[in-house]
């Protein structure tokens, strides 16, 4: 079993192997924005942390909730100034 390194940059072929999905599924994910990637020289490059986000959406939800909580608290403090 291969471990996904969050700081590694993967090609679509490597991503296909890591996620164990077909080439058309990777294309569909990229087109719909499920996987965010950068296009370099006509080829997509995908960060490992993006793959981890796709595999664990609960982690991203927790981060969003934490960010919203901090933002709300900060707005209250600024309002009281």
C-alpha atoms as a PDB file:
ATOM      1  CA  UNK A   1       0.000   0.000   0.000  1.00  0.00           C
ATOM      2  CA  UNK A   2       1.371   3.401  -0.993  1.00  0.00           C
ATOM      3  CA  UNK A   3       1.219   6.341   1.362  1.00  0.00           C
ATOM      4  CA  UNK A   4       0.206   9.757   0.031  1.00  0.00           C
ATOM      5  CA  UNK A   5       2.694  12.462   0.950  1.00  0.00           C
ATOM      6  CA  UNK A   6       0.880  15.811   1.440  1.00  0.00           C
ATOM      7  CA  UNK A   7       3.856  17.784   0.061  1.00  0.00           C
ATOM      8  CA  UNK A   8       4.364  15.595  -3.016  1.00  0.00           C
ATOM      9  CA  UNK A   9       3.182  16.580  -6.505  1.00  0.00           C
ATOM     10  CA  UNK A  10       1.449  13.809  -8.470  1.00  0.00           C
ATOM     11  CA  UNK A  11       0.567  13.357 -12.138  1.00  0.00           C
ATOM     12  CA  UNK A  12      -2.870  12.173 -13.230  1.00  0.00           C
ATOM     13  CA  UNK A  13      -1.452   8.693 -13.841  1.00  0.00           C
ATOM     14  CA  UNK A  14      -0.017   8.500 -10.338  1.00  0.00           C
ATOM     15  CA  UNK A  15      -3.267   9.838  -8.922  1.00  0.00           C
ATOM     16  CA  UNK A  16      -5.188   7.192 -10.832  1.00  0.00           C
ATOM     17  CA  UNK A  17      -3.007   4.493  -9.276  1.00  0.00           C
ATOM     18  CA  UNK A  18      -3.189   5.943  -5.770  1.00  0.00           C
ATOM     19  CA  UNK A  19      -6.982   6.361  -5.786  1.00  0.00           C
ATOM     20  CA  UNK A  20      -7.515   3.114  -7.724  1.00  0.00           C
ATOM     21  CA  UNK A  21      -9.916   4.707 -10.209  1.00  0.00           C
ATOM     22  CA  UNK A  22     -10.050   4.819 -13.998  1.00  0.00           C
ATOM     23  CA  UNK A  23      -8.578   7.490 -16.234  1.00  0.00           C
ATOM     24  CA  UNK A  24     -12.059   8.750 -17.123  1.00  0.00           C
ATOM     25  CA  UNK A  25     -12.906   9.134 -13.424  1.00  0.00           C
ATOM     26  CA  UNK A  26      -9.823  11.286 -12.866  1.00  0.00           C
ATOM     27  CA  UNK A  27     -10.801  13.443 -15.863  1.00  0.00           C
ATOM     28  CA  UNK A  28     -14.342  13.770 -14.523  1.00  0.00           C
ATOM     29  CA  UNK A  29     -13.062  14.745 -11.050  1.00  0.00           C
ATOM     30  CA  UNK A  30     -10.810  17.401 -12.569  1.00  0.00           C
ATOM     31  CA  UNK A  31     -13.557  18.762 -14.829  1.00  0.00           C
ATOM     32  CA  UNK A  32     -16.107  18.990 -11.995  1.00  0.00           C
ATOM     33  CA  UNK A  33     -13.601  20.468  -9.556  1.00  0.00           C
ATOM     34  CA  UNK A  34     -13.713  17.552  -7.138  1.00  0.00           C
ATOM     35  CA  UNK A  35      -9.925  17.451  -7.378  1.00  0.00           C
ATOM     36  CA  UNK A  36      -8.181  20.795  -7.704  1.00  0.00           C
ATOM     37  CA  UNK A  37      -5.075  20.767  -9.861  1.00  0.00           C
ATOM     38  CA  UNK A  38      -2.681  23.014 -11.744  1.00  0.00           C
ATOM     39  CA  UNK A  39      -2.052  22.583 -15.428  1.00  0.00           C
ATOM     40  CA  UNK A  40       1.630  22.760 -16.305  1.00  0.00           C
ATOM     41  CA  UNK A  41       2.750  22.284 -19.887  1.00  0.00           C
ATOM     42  CA  UNK A  42      -0.546  20.697 -20.884  1.00  0.00           C
ATOM     43  CA  UNK A  43      -0.455  18.178 -18.026  1.00  0.00           C
ATOM     44  CA  UNK A  44      -2.203  18.327 -14.678  1.00  0.00           C
ATOM     45  CA  UNK A  45      -0.237  18.298 -11.423  1.00  0.00           C
ATOM     46  CA  UNK A  46      -2.053  17.461  -8.209  1.00  0.00           C
ATOM     47  CA  UNK A  47      -0.794  18.105  -4.686  1.00  0.00           C
ATOM     48  CA  UNK A  48      -0.825  15.240  -2.214  1.00  0.00           C
ATOM     49  CA  UNK A  49      -2.760  17.312   0.322  1.00  0.00           C
ATOM     50  CA  UNK A  50      -5.492  17.721  -2.300  1.00  0.00           C
ATOM     51  CA  UNK A  51      -5.744  13.937  -2.638  1.00  0.00           C
ATOM     52  CA  UNK A  52      -5.939  13.599   1.134  1.00  0.00           C
ATOM     53  CA  UNK A  53      -8.715  16.214   1.179  1.00  0.00           C
ATOM     54  CA  UNK A  54     -10.677  14.215  -1.386  1.00  0.00           C
ATOM     55  CA  UNK A  55     -10.208  11.026   0.603  1.00  0.00           C
ATOM     56  CA  UNK A  56     -11.129  12.635   3.926  1.00  0.00           C
ATOM     57  CA  UNK A  57     -13.781  15.348   3.484  1.00  0.00           C
ATOM     58  CA  UNK A  58     -14.576  15.220   7.224  1.00  0.00           C
ATOM     59  CA  UNK A  59     -11.157  16.711   7.909  1.00  0.00           C
ATOM     60  CA  UNK A  60     -11.883  19.615   5.586  1.00  0.00           C
ATOM     61  CA  UNK A  61     -15.291  20.180   7.225  1.00  0.00           C
ATOM     62  CA  UNK A  62     -13.616  20.368  10.634  1.00  0.00           C
ATOM     63  CA  UNK A  63     -11.177  22.954   9.300  1.00  0.00           C
ATOM     64  CA  UNK A  64     -14.035  25.017   7.829  1.00  0.00           C
ATOM     65  CA  UNK A  65     -15.929  24.964  11.136  1.00  0.00           C
ATOM     66  CA  UNK A  66     -12.805  25.975  13.053  1.00  0.00           C
ATOM     67  CA  UNK A  67     -12.169  28.828  10.601  1.00  0.00           C
ATOM     68  CA  UNK A  68     -15.764  30.062  10.886  1.00  0.00           C
ATOM     69  CA  UNK A  69     -15.571  29.951  14.677  1.00  0.00           C
ATOM     70  CA  UNK A  70     -12.358  31.985  14.730  1.00  0.00           C
ATOM     71  CA  UNK A  71     -13.807  34.450  12.212  1.00  0.00           C
ATOM     72  CA  UNK A  72     -16.973  34.953  14.301  1.00  0.00           C
ATOM     73  CA  UNK A  73     -14.986  35.512  17.493  1.00  0.00           C
ATOM     74  CA  UNK A  74     -12.702  37.968  15.725  1.00  0.00           C
ATOM     75  CA  UNK A  75     -15.663  39.936  14.333  1.00  0.00           C
ATOM     76  CA  UNK A  76     -17.121  40.251  17.854  1.00  0.00           C
ATOM     77  CA  UNK A  77     -13.815  41.530  19.247  1.00  0.00           C
ATOM     78  CA  UNK A  78     -13.392  44.053  16.446  1.00  0.00           C
ATOM     79  CA  UNK A  79     -16.969  45.249  16.848  1.00  0.00           C
ATOM     80  CA  UNK A  80     -16.341  46.016  20.532  1.00  0.00           C
ATOM     81  CA  UNK A  81     -13.340  48.244  19.738  1.00  0.00           C
END
